[in-house]
Each structure stands twice: as C-alpha cells, then as structure tokens.
C-alpha cells in the first residue's frame, strides 16, 4: 500500500523467497526507489520456508532474526536524510 501512494517503506525481510517479492525490480531510471528491504544475505536464501536452522515454533525465522533494529534504523535515517518523506515521484 505504501508503494501505491509513493510513501517510502522500510521492510525487514528474510530470504525464504528472495527476489520473488522483494527487492522489487527497478522499472525505470526516472522513478525514485520507495521500497527499502533490509536483509542479511545468507547462503540458505530461497529456502522456500524450509529453514535449516533450529527454532521454537514461536521464534522468527533465522534470516529475519539476523536483521538488527540498528540496521532498520540506519536505513530509516538514510531515507529521512535524503528527504524522501513527503516527496512525490515525477
């Protein structure tokens, strides 16, 4: 929904189907990127939800758990510093 209204969005993202849903392909050079996935790339990406790392049923998948809050805040600060908030794409 955020992309539809040109609102920047930061997405902590795992690698279960990396490339299928995120990151979005770049459609043209004149459009500003508005979706910012935050990932920690791992050799098990594209596992199709069959995680090789042990976890309890209520634990997040390992690849999602590796995305730190600091990494998400860094991307968020970068967006604000670039003044993407409130701007519209041409």
C-alpha atoms as a PDB file:
ATOM      1  CA  UNK A   1       0.000   0.000   0.000  1.00  0.00           C
ATOM      2  CA  UNK A   2       2.864   2.359   0.768  1.00  0.00           C
ATOM      3  CA  UNK A   3       4.338   1.917  -2.705  1.00  0.00           C
ATOM      4  CA  UNK A   4       0.974   2.681  -4.291  1.00  0.00           C
ATOM      5  CA  UNK A   5       0.911   6.123  -2.649  1.00  0.00           C
ATOM      6  CA  UNK A   6       4.645   6.850  -3.098  1.00  0.00           C
ATOM      7  CA  UNK A   7       5.434   6.567   0.599  1.00  0.00           C
ATOM      8  CA  UNK A   8       8.885   5.218   1.477  1.00  0.00           C
ATOM      9  CA  UNK A   9       8.742   1.985   3.446  1.00  0.00           C
ATOM     10  CA  UNK A  10      11.485   0.053   5.213  1.00  0.00           C
ATOM     11  CA  UNK A  11      10.963  -3.719   5.156  1.00  0.00           C
ATOM     12  CA  UNK A  12      12.919  -6.114   7.386  1.00  0.00           C
ATOM     13  CA  UNK A  13      12.978  -9.134   5.117  1.00  0.00           C
ATOM     14  CA  UNK A  14      14.165 -12.731   5.203  1.00  0.00           C
ATOM     15  CA  UNK A  15      15.391 -14.839   2.350  1.00  0.00           C
ATOM     16  CA  UNK A  16      12.726 -17.536   2.080  1.00  0.00           C
ATOM     17  CA  UNK A  17      11.759 -16.444  -1.460  1.00  0.00           C
ATOM     18  CA  UNK A  18      14.317 -13.729  -2.037  1.00  0.00           C
ATOM     19  CA  UNK A  19      13.825 -11.961  -5.347  1.00  0.00           C
ATOM     20  CA  UNK A  20      10.261 -13.131  -5.812  1.00  0.00           C
ATOM     21  CA  UNK A  21       8.572 -10.460  -3.699  1.00  0.00           C
ATOM     22  CA  UNK A  22      11.478  -8.239  -2.646  1.00  0.00           C
ATOM     23  CA  UNK A  23      13.576  -6.492  -3.650  1.00  0.00           C
ATOM     24  CA  UNK A  24      11.370  -5.003  -6.329  1.00  0.00           C
ATOM     25  CA  UNK A  25      12.957  -4.696  -9.768  1.00  0.00           C
ATOM     26  CA  UNK A  26      13.930  -1.230 -10.912  1.00  0.00           C
ATOM     27  CA  UNK A  27      11.352  -0.315 -13.565  1.00  0.00           C
ATOM     28  CA  UNK A  28      12.865   2.868 -14.960  1.00  0.00           C
ATOM     29  CA  UNK A  29      15.568   5.375 -14.124  1.00  0.00           C
ATOM     30  CA  UNK A  30      13.136   8.260 -13.593  1.00  0.00           C
ATOM     31  CA  UNK A  31      11.276   6.636 -10.681  1.00  0.00           C
ATOM     32  CA  UNK A  32      12.520   7.079  -7.142  1.00  0.00           C
ATOM     33  CA  UNK A  33      13.029   3.906  -5.124  1.00  0.00           C
ATOM     34  CA  UNK A  34      10.437   3.780  -2.332  1.00  0.00           C
ATOM     35  CA  UNK A  35      10.741   0.203  -1.030  1.00  0.00           C
ATOM     36  CA  UNK A  36      13.828  -0.389   1.109  1.00  0.00           C
ATOM     37  CA  UNK A  37      14.318  -4.030   2.113  1.00  0.00           C
ATOM     38  CA  UNK A  38      16.743  -4.660   4.975  1.00  0.00           C
ATOM     39  CA  UNK A  39      18.255  -8.128   4.732  1.00  0.00           C
ATOM     40  CA  UNK A  40      21.239 -10.093   5.941  1.00  0.00           C
ATOM     41  CA  UNK A  41      22.143 -12.263   2.973  1.00  0.00           C
ATOM     42  CA  UNK A  42      22.786 -15.879   3.829  1.00  0.00           C
ATOM     43  CA  UNK A  43      23.809 -18.946   1.796  1.00  0.00           C
ATOM     44  CA  UNK A  44      20.441 -20.586   2.529  1.00  0.00           C
ATOM     45  CA  UNK A  45      18.394 -17.866   0.757  1.00  0.00           C
ATOM     46  CA  UNK A  46      15.471 -19.140  -1.316  1.00  0.00           C
ATOM     47  CA  UNK A  47      14.827 -21.982   1.123  1.00  0.00           C
ATOM     48  CA  UNK A  48      11.078 -21.735   0.375  1.00  0.00           C
ATOM     49  CA  UNK A  49      10.257 -21.531   4.105  1.00  0.00           C
ATOM     50  CA  UNK A  50      12.190 -24.723   4.922  1.00  0.00           C
ATOM     51  CA  UNK A  51      14.618 -23.205   7.409  1.00  0.00           C
ATOM     52  CA  UNK A  52      17.752 -25.231   8.090  1.00  0.00           C
ATOM     53  CA  UNK A  53      18.266 -23.532  11.455  1.00  0.00           C
ATOM     54  CA  UNK A  54      16.585 -24.966  14.548  1.00  0.00           C
ATOM     55  CA  UNK A  55      13.989 -22.763  16.248  1.00  0.00           C
ATOM     56  CA  UNK A  56      10.982 -22.956  18.503  1.00  0.00           C
ATOM     57  CA  UNK A  57       7.557 -22.662  16.914  1.00  0.00           C
ATOM     58  CA  UNK A  58       7.115 -19.093  18.156  1.00  0.00           C
ATOM     59  CA  UNK A  59      10.604 -17.888  17.114  1.00  0.00           C
ATOM     60  CA  UNK A  60      11.109 -15.892  13.926  1.00  0.00           C
ATOM     61  CA  UNK A  61      12.952 -17.479  11.042  1.00  0.00           C
ATOM     62  CA  UNK A  62      16.704 -17.203  11.491  1.00  0.00           C
ATOM     63  CA  UNK A  63      17.217 -14.914   8.490  1.00  0.00           C
ATOM     64  CA  UNK A  64      14.648 -12.437   9.833  1.00  0.00           C
ATOM     65  CA  UNK A  65      16.111 -12.597  13.328  1.00  0.00           C
ATOM     66  CA  UNK A  66      19.505 -11.594  11.897  1.00  0.00           C
ATOM     67  CA  UNK A  67      18.147  -8.216  10.719  1.00  0.00           C
ATOM     68  CA  UNK A  68      19.011  -5.887  13.569  1.00  0.00           C
ATOM     69  CA  UNK A  69      16.956  -2.966  14.785  1.00  0.00           C
ATOM     70  CA  UNK A  70      20.053  -0.814  14.266  1.00  0.00           C
ATOM     71  CA  UNK A  71      20.146  -1.804  10.576  1.00  0.00           C
ATOM     72  CA  UNK A  72      16.481  -0.884  10.153  1.00  0.00           C
ATOM     73  CA  UNK A  73      17.013   2.474  11.891  1.00  0.00           C
ATOM     74  CA  UNK A  74      20.062   3.194   9.711  1.00  0.00           C
ATOM     75  CA  UNK A  75      18.026   2.736   6.532  1.00  0.00           C
ATOM     76  CA  UNK A  76      15.217   4.828   8.031  1.00  0.00           C
ATOM     77  CA  UNK A  77      17.639   7.648   8.905  1.00  0.00           C
ATOM     78  CA  UNK A  78      19.087   7.496   5.390  1.00  0.00           C
ATOM     79  CA  UNK A  79      15.597   7.940   3.943  1.00  0.00           C
ATOM     80  CA  UNK A  80      14.902  10.930   6.166  1.00  0.00           C
ATOM     81  CA  UNK A  81      18.323  12.437   5.394  1.00  0.00           C
ATOM     82  CA  UNK A  82      17.609  12.105   1.668  1.00  0.00           C
ATOM     83  CA  UNK A  83      14.298  13.893   2.304  1.00  0.00           C
ATOM     84  CA  UNK A  84      12.208  11.234   0.590  1.00  0.00           C
ATOM     85  CA  UNK A  85       9.446  11.699   3.142  1.00  0.00           C
ATOM     86  CA  UNK A  86       6.693  13.852   1.669  1.00  0.00           C
ATOM     87  CA  UNK A  87       8.156  13.990  -1.838  1.00  0.00           C
ATOM     88  CA  UNK A  88       6.280  12.640  -4.805  1.00  0.00           C
ATOM     89  CA  UNK A  89       7.746  10.833  -7.792  1.00  0.00           C
ATOM     90  CA  UNK A  90       7.660  12.570 -11.129  1.00  0.00           C
END
